[in-house]
Structure formats: structure tokens, C-alpha cells
Amino acid sequence: MVLLLTVLSGLAGALLLMVLAVGLLRILRALTSIRESLSKIAMGVRAIDSETAPLPKHLDGLNDTLTTLGEGLGSVESHLKAVAKKVESLGGALKGSSQ
């Protein structure tokens, strides 16, 4: 009887070890898949980093250009307002002469 219980305990232990081994292999497979995905993400981040590396060198020039453009557009705005006033007064004068 003791021999039978010993054999059954040994089989139960072996079964437990096999179940643990299968579970660990499944976990290993999942972690390998995650590692592959993370390496692809890291490669993409490195690509973005290398593609955008020249941007800081050009930002000062771009800011200066946009500032100059803004000042020029402000000048255009003031000229357009002056033209609008002249057209408005001319429209009023033409409207008054047609009556």
C-alpha cells in the first residue's frame, strides 16, 4: 500500500512539473512575442528620432521667417483697411450722385 501511494505521489509530482513546464513555455512564447513587438516599436522611435533630428537646427530660421511674415501681413492689413475706407467713401459718393 505504501508503495502504491509513493508511486501515485511520484506521478502527481511529475504531472505537476509537466503542467508547470507547459505553463512556463507558454509564458516564454508570449514574452518573446512581446519582445518582438517592443523591438519594432523601438526601431520606429529611432527612425522618428533620426528623421526629426534636423528640425531643431532650422527652428530659429523658421521662427524668424514667420515673424517677418507676420509683420508683413500686418502692413498688408493696414493697407487693405485704408483701401476699404476709400472704397466705402467712394461707394457713398456714387450712391449719393445716382439719386
C-alpha atoms as a PDB file:
ATOM      1  CA  MET A   1       0.000   0.000   0.000  1.00  0.00           C
ATOM      2  CA  VAL A   2       2.820   2.391   0.853  1.00  0.00           C
ATOM      3  CA  LEU A   3       4.451   1.592  -2.490  1.00  0.00           C
ATOM      4  CA  LEU A   4       1.237   2.433  -4.355  1.00  0.00           C
ATOM      5  CA  LEU A   5       0.899   5.773  -2.532  1.00  0.00           C
ATOM      6  CA  THR A   6       4.561   6.536  -3.237  1.00  0.00           C
ATOM      7  CA  VAL A   7       4.110   5.810  -6.947  1.00  0.00           C
ATOM      8  CA  LEU A   8       0.934   7.900  -7.099  1.00  0.00           C
ATOM      9  CA  SER A   9       2.672  10.754  -5.290  1.00  0.00           C
ATOM     10  CA  GLY A  10       5.572  10.493  -7.745  1.00  0.00           C
ATOM     11  CA  LEU A  11       3.162  10.553 -10.711  1.00  0.00           C
ATOM     12  CA  ALA A  12       1.308  13.533  -9.243  1.00  0.00           C
ATOM     13  CA  GLY A  13       4.626  15.349  -8.751  1.00  0.00           C
ATOM     14  CA  ALA A  14       5.704  14.534 -12.327  1.00  0.00           C
ATOM     15  CA  LEU A  15       2.330  15.727 -13.630  1.00  0.00           C
ATOM     16  CA  LEU A  16       2.694  18.949 -11.625  1.00  0.00           C
ATOM     17  CA  LEU A  17       6.160  19.518 -13.076  1.00  0.00           C
ATOM     18  CA  MET A  18       4.886  18.903 -16.628  1.00  0.00           C
ATOM     19  CA  VAL A  19       1.998  21.347 -16.144  1.00  0.00           C
ATOM     20  CA  LEU A  20       4.417  23.936 -14.772  1.00  0.00           C
ATOM     21  CA  ALA A  21       6.793  23.368 -17.697  1.00  0.00           C
ATOM     22  CA  VAL A  22       3.975  23.788 -20.235  1.00  0.00           C
ATOM     23  CA  GLY A  23       2.774  26.952 -18.474  1.00  0.00           C
ATOM     24  CA  LEU A  24       6.281  28.391 -18.391  1.00  0.00           C
ATOM     25  CA  LEU A  25       6.764  27.609 -22.082  1.00  0.00           C
ATOM     26  CA  ARG A  26       3.522  29.427 -22.923  1.00  0.00           C
ATOM     27  CA  ILE A  27       4.649  32.404 -20.857  1.00  0.00           C
ATOM     28  CA  LEU A  28       8.023  32.335 -22.630  1.00  0.00           C
ATOM     29  CA  ARG A  29       6.301  32.318 -26.029  1.00  0.00           C
ATOM     30  CA  ALA A  30       4.132  35.284 -25.031  1.00  0.00           C
ATOM     31  CA  LEU A  31       7.144  37.214 -23.723  1.00  0.00           C
ATOM     32  CA  THR A  32       9.048  36.506 -26.939  1.00  0.00           C
ATOM     33  CA  SER A  33       6.166  37.930 -28.941  1.00  0.00           C
ATOM     34  CA  ILE A  34       6.109  40.993 -26.710  1.00  0.00           C
ATOM     35  CA  ARG A  35       9.869  41.435 -27.139  1.00  0.00           C
ATOM     36  CA  GLU A  36       9.468  41.349 -30.924  1.00  0.00           C
ATOM     37  CA  SER A  37       6.714  43.975 -30.767  1.00  0.00           C
ATOM     38  CA  LEU A  38       8.763  46.193 -28.463  1.00  0.00           C
ATOM     39  CA  SER A  39      11.800  45.929 -30.730  1.00  0.00           C
ATOM     40  CA  LYS A  40       9.651  47.043 -33.691  1.00  0.00           C
ATOM     41  CA  ILE A  41       8.347  49.974 -31.649  1.00  0.00           C
ATOM     42  CA  ALA A  42      11.890  50.901 -30.599  1.00  0.00           C
ATOM     43  CA  MET A  43      13.014  50.747 -34.221  1.00  0.00           C
ATOM     44  CA  GLY A  44      10.157  53.089 -35.188  1.00  0.00           C
ATOM     45  CA  VAL A  45      11.035  55.519 -32.410  1.00  0.00           C
ATOM     46  CA  ARG A  46      14.677  55.525 -33.516  1.00  0.00           C
ATOM     47  CA  ALA A  47      13.555  56.191 -37.097  1.00  0.00           C
ATOM     48  CA  ILE A  48      11.387  59.102 -35.966  1.00  0.00           C
ATOM     49  CA  ASP A  49      14.279  60.443 -33.900  1.00  0.00           C
ATOM     50  CA  SER A  50      16.680  60.323 -36.830  1.00  0.00           C
ATOM     51  CA  GLU A  51      14.116  61.807 -39.234  1.00  0.00           C
ATOM     52  CA  THR A  52      13.333  64.730 -36.944  1.00  0.00           C
ATOM     53  CA  ALA A  53      16.919  65.374 -35.813  1.00  0.00           C
ATOM     54  CA  PRO A  54      17.485  68.240 -38.328  1.00  0.00           C
ATOM     55  CA  LEU A  55      14.407  70.170 -37.141  1.00  0.00           C
ATOM     56  CA  PRO A  56      15.958  71.989 -34.153  1.00  0.00           C
ATOM     57  CA  LYS A  57      18.679  73.400 -36.420  1.00  0.00           C
ATOM     58  CA  HIS A  58      16.061  75.056 -38.622  1.00  0.00           C
ATOM     59  CA  LEU A  59      13.598  76.272 -35.981  1.00  0.00           C
ATOM     60  CA  ASP A  60      15.322  79.603 -35.368  1.00  0.00           C
ATOM     61  CA  GLY A  61      15.282  80.424 -39.072  1.00  0.00           C
ATOM     62  CA  LEU A  62      11.678  79.339 -39.339  1.00  0.00           C
ATOM     63  CA  ASN A  63      10.689  81.480 -36.350  1.00  0.00           C
ATOM     64  CA  ASP A  64      12.464  84.496 -37.837  1.00  0.00           C
ATOM     65  CA  THR A  65      10.766  83.937 -41.180  1.00  0.00           C
ATOM     66  CA  LEU A  66       7.335  83.614 -39.584  1.00  0.00           C
ATOM     67  CA  THR A  67       7.927  86.769 -37.527  1.00  0.00           C
ATOM     68  CA  THR A  68       8.873  88.694 -40.661  1.00  0.00           C
ATOM     69  CA  LEU A  69       5.841  87.262 -42.459  1.00  0.00           C
ATOM     70  CA  GLY A  70       3.579  88.335 -39.582  1.00  0.00           C
ATOM     71  CA  GLU A  71       4.946  91.860 -39.712  1.00  0.00           C
ATOM     72  CA  GLY A  72       4.448  91.973 -43.481  1.00  0.00           C
ATOM     73  CA  LEU A  73       0.882  90.745 -43.151  1.00  0.00           C
ATOM     74  CA  GLY A  74       0.247  93.445 -40.545  1.00  0.00           C
ATOM     75  CA  SER A  75       1.383  96.017 -43.094  1.00  0.00           C
ATOM     76  CA  VAL A  76      -0.892  94.463 -45.730  1.00  0.00           C
ATOM     77  CA  GLU A  77      -3.771  94.609 -43.268  1.00  0.00           C
ATOM     78  CA  SER A  78      -3.297  98.327 -42.668  1.00  0.00           C
ATOM     79  CA  HIS A  79      -3.131  98.989 -46.434  1.00  0.00           C
ATOM     80  CA  LEU A  80      -6.288  96.946 -47.022  1.00  0.00           C
ATOM     81  CA  LYS A  81      -8.117  98.865 -44.293  1.00  0.00           C
ATOM     82  CA  ALA A  82      -7.123 102.135 -45.961  1.00  0.00           C
ATOM     83  CA  VAL A  83      -8.342 100.846 -49.336  1.00  0.00           C
ATOM     84  CA  ALA A  84     -11.604  99.666 -47.758  1.00  0.00           C
ATOM     85  CA  LYS A  85     -12.207 103.140 -46.287  1.00  0.00           C
ATOM     86  CA  LYS A  86     -11.552 104.783 -49.661  1.00  0.00           C
ATOM     87  CA  VAL A  87     -13.835 102.330 -51.471  1.00  0.00           C
ATOM     88  CA  GLU A  88     -16.504 102.858 -48.836  1.00  0.00           C
ATOM     89  CA  SER A  89     -16.353 106.638 -49.193  1.00  0.00           C
ATOM     90  CA  LEU A  90     -16.319 106.317 -52.987  1.00  0.00           C
ATOM     91  CA  GLY A  91     -19.342 103.978 -52.817  1.00  0.00           C
ATOM     92  CA  GLY A  92     -21.170 106.529 -50.654  1.00  0.00           C
ATOM     93  CA  ALA A  93     -20.339 109.306 -53.093  1.00  0.00           C
ATOM     94  CA  LEU A  94     -21.529 107.236 -56.070  1.00  0.00           C
ATOM     95  CA  LYS A  95     -24.706 106.262 -54.252  1.00  0.00           C
ATOM     96  CA  GLY A  96     -25.464 109.890 -53.478  1.00  0.00           C
ATOM     97  CA  SER A  97     -24.892 111.018 -57.082  1.00  0.00           C
ATOM     98  CA  SER A  98     -27.232 108.405 -58.558  1.00  0.00           C
ATOM     99  CA  GLN A  99     -30.294 109.691 -56.631  1.00  0.00           C
END
